[in-house]
PDB file of N, CA and C in Angstrom:
ATOM      1  N   MET A   1      32.191   6.676  -2.214  1.00  0.00           N
ATOM      2  CA  MET A   1      31.046   6.926  -2.918  1.00  0.00           C
ATOM      3  C   MET A   1      30.880   8.423  -3.292  1.00  0.00           C
ATOM      4  N   THR A   2      30.570   8.845  -4.367  1.00  0.00           N
ATOM      5  CA  THR A   2      30.393  10.239  -4.652  1.00  0.00           C
ATOM      6  C   THR A   2      29.081  10.386  -5.292  1.00  0.00           C
ATOM      7  N   GLY A   3      28.403  11.545  -5.131  1.00  0.00           N
ATOM      8  CA  GLY A   3      27.076  11.764  -5.691  1.00  0.00           C
ATOM      9  C   GLY A   3      27.094  13.370  -6.086  1.00  0.00           C
ATOM     10  N   ASP A   4      26.186  13.499  -7.099  1.00  0.00           N
ATOM     11  CA  ASP A   4      26.094  14.867  -7.638  1.00  0.00           C
ATOM     12  C   ASP A   4      24.709  15.460  -7.243  1.00  0.00           C
ATOM     13  N   TYR A   5      24.840  16.761  -6.509  1.00  0.00           N
ATOM     14  CA  TYR A   5      23.540  17.369  -6.217  1.00  0.00           C
ATOM     15  C   TYR A   5      23.229  18.558  -7.115  1.00  0.00           C
ATOM     16  N   ARG A   6      21.986  18.668  -7.527  1.00  0.00           N
ATOM     17  CA  ARG A   6      21.612  19.775  -8.276  1.00  0.00           C
ATOM     18  C   ARG A   6      21.778  21.017  -7.562  1.00  0.00           C
ATOM     19  N   ASN A   7      22.126  21.960  -8.507  1.00  0.00           N
ATOM     20  CA  ASN A   7      22.409  23.417  -7.901  1.00  0.00           C
ATOM     21  C   ASN A   7      21.037  24.255  -7.968  1.00  0.00           C
ATOM     22  N   ALA A   8      20.147  23.513  -8.637  1.00  0.00           N
ATOM     23  CA  ALA A   8      18.681  24.278  -8.695  1.00  0.00           C
ATOM     24  C   ALA A   8      18.131  24.586  -7.316  1.00  0.00           C
ATOM     25  N   PRO A   9      17.511  25.734  -7.192  1.00  0.00           N
ATOM     26  CA  PRO A   9      17.002  26.150  -5.911  1.00  0.00           C
ATOM     27  C   PRO A   9      15.838  25.188  -5.534  1.00  0.00           C
ATOM     28  N   ARG A  10      15.563  24.924  -4.258  1.00  0.00           N
ATOM     29  CA  ARG A  10      14.532  24.059  -3.885  1.00  0.00           C
ATOM     30  C   ARG A  10      13.211  24.746  -3.708  1.00  0.00           C
ATOM     31  N   LEU A  11      12.256  24.175  -4.045  1.00  0.00           N
ATOM     32  CA  LEU A  11      10.846  24.806  -3.882  1.00  0.00           C
ATOM     33  C   LEU A  11      10.431  24.870  -2.443  1.00  0.00           C
ATOM     34  N   PRO A  12       9.811  25.789  -1.885  1.00  0.00           N
ATOM     35  CA  PRO A  12       9.303  25.671  -0.597  1.00  0.00           C
ATOM     36  C   PRO A  12       8.243  24.747  -0.324  1.00  0.00           C
ATOM     37  N   LEU A  13       8.005  24.200   0.870  1.00  0.00           N
ATOM     38  CA  LEU A  13       7.009  23.378   1.093  1.00  0.00           C
ATOM     39  C   LEU A  13       5.587  23.997   1.069  1.00  0.00           C
ATOM     40  N   LEU A  14       4.641  23.196   0.908  1.00  0.00           N
ATOM     41  CA  LEU A  14       3.278  23.763   0.759  1.00  0.00           C
ATOM     42  C   LEU A  14       2.964  24.261   2.165  1.00  0.00           C
ATOM     43  N   THR A  15       1.919  25.413   2.166  1.00  0.00           N
ATOM     44  CA  THR A  15       1.419  25.657   3.362  1.00  0.00           C
ATOM     45  C   THR A  15       0.308  24.716   3.594  1.00  0.00           C
ATOM     46  N   ALA A  16      -0.259  24.694   4.881  1.00  0.00           N
ATOM     47  CA  ALA A  16      -1.520  23.768   5.078  1.00  0.00           C
ATOM     48  C   ALA A  16      -2.674  24.140   4.283  1.00  0.00           C
ATOM     49  N   GLU A  17      -2.875  25.464   4.105  1.00  0.00           N
ATOM     50  CA  GLU A  17      -3.938  25.988   3.234  1.00  0.00           C
ATOM     51  C   GLU A  17      -3.796  25.592   1.737  1.00  0.00           C
ATOM     52  N   GLU A  18      -2.678  25.647   1.309  1.00  0.00           N
ATOM     53  CA  GLU A  18      -2.276  25.183  -0.219  1.00  0.00           C
ATOM     54  C   GLU A  18      -2.464  23.798  -0.289  1.00  0.00           C
ATOM     55  N   ALA A  19      -2.084  22.979   0.715  1.00  0.00           N
ATOM     56  CA  ALA A  19      -2.269  21.609   0.648  1.00  0.00           C
ATOM     57  C   ALA A  19      -3.747  21.187   0.484  1.00  0.00           C
ATOM     58  N   ARG A  20      -4.586  21.884   1.481  1.00  0.00           N
ATOM     59  CA  ARG A  20      -6.088  21.655   1.406  1.00  0.00           C
ATOM     60  C   ARG A  20      -6.655  22.062   0.054  1.00  0.00           C
ATOM     61  N   GLN A  21      -6.191  23.139  -0.532  1.00  0.00           N
ATOM     62  CA  GLN A  21      -6.733  23.495  -1.741  1.00  0.00           C
ATOM     63  C   GLN A  21      -6.389  22.428  -2.857  1.00  0.00           C
ATOM     64  N   ALA A  22      -5.065  21.898  -2.739  1.00  0.00           N
ATOM     65  CA  ALA A  22      -4.646  20.928  -3.779  1.00  0.00           C
ATOM     66  C   ALA A  22      -5.644  19.651  -3.584  1.00  0.00           C
ATOM     67  N   VAL A  23      -5.907  19.225  -2.377  1.00  0.00           N
ATOM     68  CA  VAL A  23      -6.849  18.054  -2.113  1.00  0.00           C
ATOM     69  C   VAL A  23      -8.111  18.303  -2.630  1.00  0.00           C
ATOM     70  N   ARG A  24      -8.669  19.515  -2.713  1.00  0.00           N
ATOM     71  CA  ARG A  24     -10.041  19.672  -3.209  1.00  0.00           C
ATOM     72  C   ARG A  24     -10.325  19.261  -4.677  1.00  0.00           C
ATOM     73  N   HIS A  25      -9.111  19.478  -5.361  1.00  0.00           N
ATOM     74  CA  HIS A  25      -9.247  19.218  -6.836  1.00  0.00           C
ATOM     75  C   HIS A  25      -9.635  17.733  -7.049  1.00  0.00           C
ATOM     76  N   PRO A  26      -8.944  16.750  -6.557  1.00  0.00           N
ATOM     77  CA  PRO A  26      -9.260  15.423  -6.745  1.00  0.00           C
ATOM     78  C   PRO A  26     -10.793  15.136  -6.196  1.00  0.00           C
ATOM     79  N   PHE A  27     -11.173  15.733  -5.239  1.00  0.00           N
ATOM     80  CA  PHE A  27     -12.597  15.519  -4.775  1.00  0.00           C
ATOM     81  C   PHE A  27     -13.449  16.106  -5.793  1.00  0.00           C
ATOM     82  N   LEU A  28     -13.217  17.242  -6.399  1.00  0.00           N
ATOM     83  CA  LEU A  28     -14.043  17.660  -7.495  1.00  0.00           C
ATOM     84  C   LEU A  28     -13.990  16.876  -8.661  1.00  0.00           C
ATOM     85  N   LEU A  29     -12.913  16.224  -9.053  1.00  0.00           N
ATOM     86  CA  LEU A  29     -12.794  15.285 -10.185  1.00  0.00           C
ATOM     87  C   LEU A  29     -13.748  14.104  -9.876  1.00  0.00           C
ATOM     88  N   GLU A  30     -13.690  13.554  -8.688  1.00  0.00           N
ATOM     89  CA  GLU A  30     -14.564  12.494  -8.382  1.00  0.00           C
ATOM     90  C   GLU A  30     -15.932  12.749  -8.609  1.00  0.00           C
ATOM     91  N   GLN A  31     -16.487  14.073  -8.284  1.00  0.00           N
ATOM     92  CA  GLN A  31     -17.835  14.375  -8.664  1.00  0.00           C
ATOM     93  C   GLN A  31     -18.238  14.405  -9.958  1.00  0.00           C
ATOM     94  N   LEU A  32     -17.217  14.949 -10.731  1.00  0.00           N
ATOM     95  CA  LEU A  32     -17.410  15.125 -12.198  1.00  0.00           C
ATOM     96  C   LEU A  32     -17.189  13.979 -13.061  1.00  0.00           C
ATOM     97  N   ASP A  33     -16.388  13.003 -12.655  1.00  0.00           N
ATOM     98  CA  ASP A  33     -15.944  11.765 -13.365  1.00  0.00           C
ATOM     99  C   ASP A  33     -16.616  10.548 -12.676  1.00  0.00           C
ATOM    100  N   LEU A  34     -17.633   9.951 -13.326  1.00  0.00           N
ATOM    101  CA  LEU A  34     -18.227   8.798 -12.551  1.00  0.00           C
ATOM    102  C   LEU A  34     -17.569   7.510 -13.019  1.00  0.00           C
ATOM    103  N   SER A  35     -16.439   7.496 -13.709  1.00  0.00           N
ATOM    104  CA  SER A  35     -15.753   6.323 -14.075  1.00  0.00           C
ATOM    105  C   SER A  35     -14.840   5.933 -12.848  1.00  0.00           C
ATOM    106  N   PRO A  36     -14.155   4.679 -12.875  1.00  0.00           N
ATOM    107  CA  PRO A  36     -13.322   4.422 -11.914  1.00  0.00           C
ATOM    108  C   PRO A  36     -12.139   5.350 -11.621  1.00  0.00           C
ATOM    109  N   ARG A  37     -11.739   6.036 -12.634  1.00  0.00           N
ATOM    110  CA  ARG A  37     -10.741   7.174 -12.378  1.00  0.00           C
ATOM    111  C   ARG A  37     -11.293   8.127 -11.489  1.00  0.00           C
ATOM    112  N   GLY A  38     -12.424   8.662 -11.672  1.00  0.00           N
ATOM    113  CA  GLY A  38     -12.990   9.598 -10.613  1.00  0.00           C
ATOM    114  C   GLY A  38     -13.005   8.963  -9.215  1.00  0.00           C
ATOM    115  N   ALA A  39     -13.524   7.779  -9.019  1.00  0.00           N
ATOM    116  CA  ALA A  39     -13.474   7.057  -7.734  1.00  0.00           C
ATOM    117  C   ALA A  39     -11.964   7.008  -7.185  1.00  0.00           C
ATOM    118  N   ALA A  40     -11.065   6.727  -8.063  1.00  0.00           N
ATOM    119  CA  ALA A  40      -9.685   6.721  -7.562  1.00  0.00           C
ATOM    120  C   ALA A  40      -9.146   7.885  -7.042  1.00  0.00           C
ATOM    121  N   ALA A  41      -9.550   9.098  -7.783  1.00  0.00           N
ATOM    122  CA  ALA A  41      -9.259  10.272  -7.444  1.00  0.00           C
ATOM    123  C   ALA A  41      -9.796  10.739  -6.075  1.00  0.00           C
ATOM    124  N   GLY A  42     -10.998  10.380  -5.902  1.00  0.00           N
ATOM    125  CA  GLY A  42     -11.572  10.594  -4.513  1.00  0.00           C
ATOM    126  C   GLY A  42     -11.122   9.706  -3.451  1.00  0.00           C
ATOM    127  N   GLN A  43     -10.614   8.562  -3.721  1.00  0.00           N
ATOM    128  CA  GLN A  43      -9.995   7.760  -2.621  1.00  0.00           C
ATOM    129  C   GLN A  43      -8.518   8.506  -2.397  1.00  0.00           C
ATOM    130  N   LEU A  44      -7.849   8.766  -3.261  1.00  0.00           N
ATOM    131  CA  LEU A  44      -6.648   9.544  -3.086  1.00  0.00           C
ATOM    132  C   LEU A  44      -6.861  10.779  -2.295  1.00  0.00           C
ATOM    133  N   ALA A  45      -7.776  11.490  -2.623  1.00  0.00           N
ATOM    134  CA  ALA A  45      -8.007  12.831  -2.035  1.00  0.00           C
ATOM    135  C   ALA A  45      -8.354  12.575  -0.517  1.00  0.00           C
ATOM    136  N   SER A  46      -9.238  11.471  -0.282  1.00  0.00           N
ATOM    137  CA  SER A  46      -9.436  11.100   1.156  1.00  0.00           C
ATOM    138  C   SER A  46      -8.302  10.808   1.891  1.00  0.00           C
ATOM    139  N   GLU A  47      -7.402   9.971   1.262  1.00  0.00           N
ATOM    140  CA  GLU A  47      -6.035   9.564   2.099  1.00  0.00           C
ATOM    141  C   GLU A  47      -5.363  10.829   2.324  1.00  0.00           C
ATOM    142  N   LEU A  48      -5.236  11.623   1.325  1.00  0.00           N
ATOM    143  CA  LEU A  48      -4.241  12.837   1.605  1.00  0.00           C
ATOM    144  C   LEU A  48      -4.936  13.714   2.630  1.00  0.00           C
ATOM    145  N   ALA A  49      -6.316  13.871   2.605  1.00  0.00           N
ATOM    146  CA  ALA A  49      -6.988  14.802   3.574  1.00  0.00           C
ATOM    147  C   ALA A  49      -6.709  14.300   5.111  1.00  0.00           C
ATOM    148  N   ARG A  50      -6.789  12.930   5.170  1.00  0.00           N
ATOM    149  CA  ARG A  50      -6.455  12.410   6.601  1.00  0.00           C
ATOM    150  C   ARG A  50      -5.005  12.799   7.130  1.00  0.00           C
ATOM    151  N   ARG A  51      -4.099  13.098   6.050  1.00  0.00           N
ATOM    152  CA  ARG A  51      -2.706  13.363   6.517  1.00  0.00           C
ATOM    153  C   ARG A  51      -2.556  14.801   6.803  1.00  0.00           C
ATOM    154  N   LEU A  52      -3.538  15.586   6.345  1.00  0.00           N
ATOM    155  CA  LEU A  52      -3.322  17.024   6.665  1.00  0.00           C
ATOM    156  C   LEU A  52      -3.701  17.469   8.160  1.00  0.00           C
ATOM    157  N   PRO A  53      -2.977  18.469   8.688  1.00  0.00           N
ATOM    158  CA  PRO A  53      -3.275  18.930  10.030  1.00  0.00           C
ATOM    159  C   PRO A  53      -4.795  19.443  10.035  1.00  0.00           C
ATOM    160  N   ALA A  54      -5.389  19.178  11.177  1.00  0.00           N
ATOM    161  CA  ALA A  54      -6.772  19.765  11.344  1.00  0.00           C
ATOM    162  C   ALA A  54      -6.693  21.009  12.101  1.00  0.00           C
ATOM    163  N   ASP A  55      -6.984  22.205  11.469  1.00  0.00           N
ATOM    164  CA  ASP A  55      -6.700  23.408  12.116  1.00  0.00           C
ATOM    165  C   ASP A  55      -8.082  23.777  12.700  1.00  0.00           C
TER     166      ASP A  55
END
């Protein structure tokens, strides 16, 4: 079996602070969008926040 690997450089992993900032955006969307989409964004943000390390 053979495979091709991209030669493009890999992006660095997010830092914990960058991940926390990224999770804040869906929380904000939940507050601004009262539709089911906003509720889903809040649920996703909650699930992601639980996976972040607590500093």
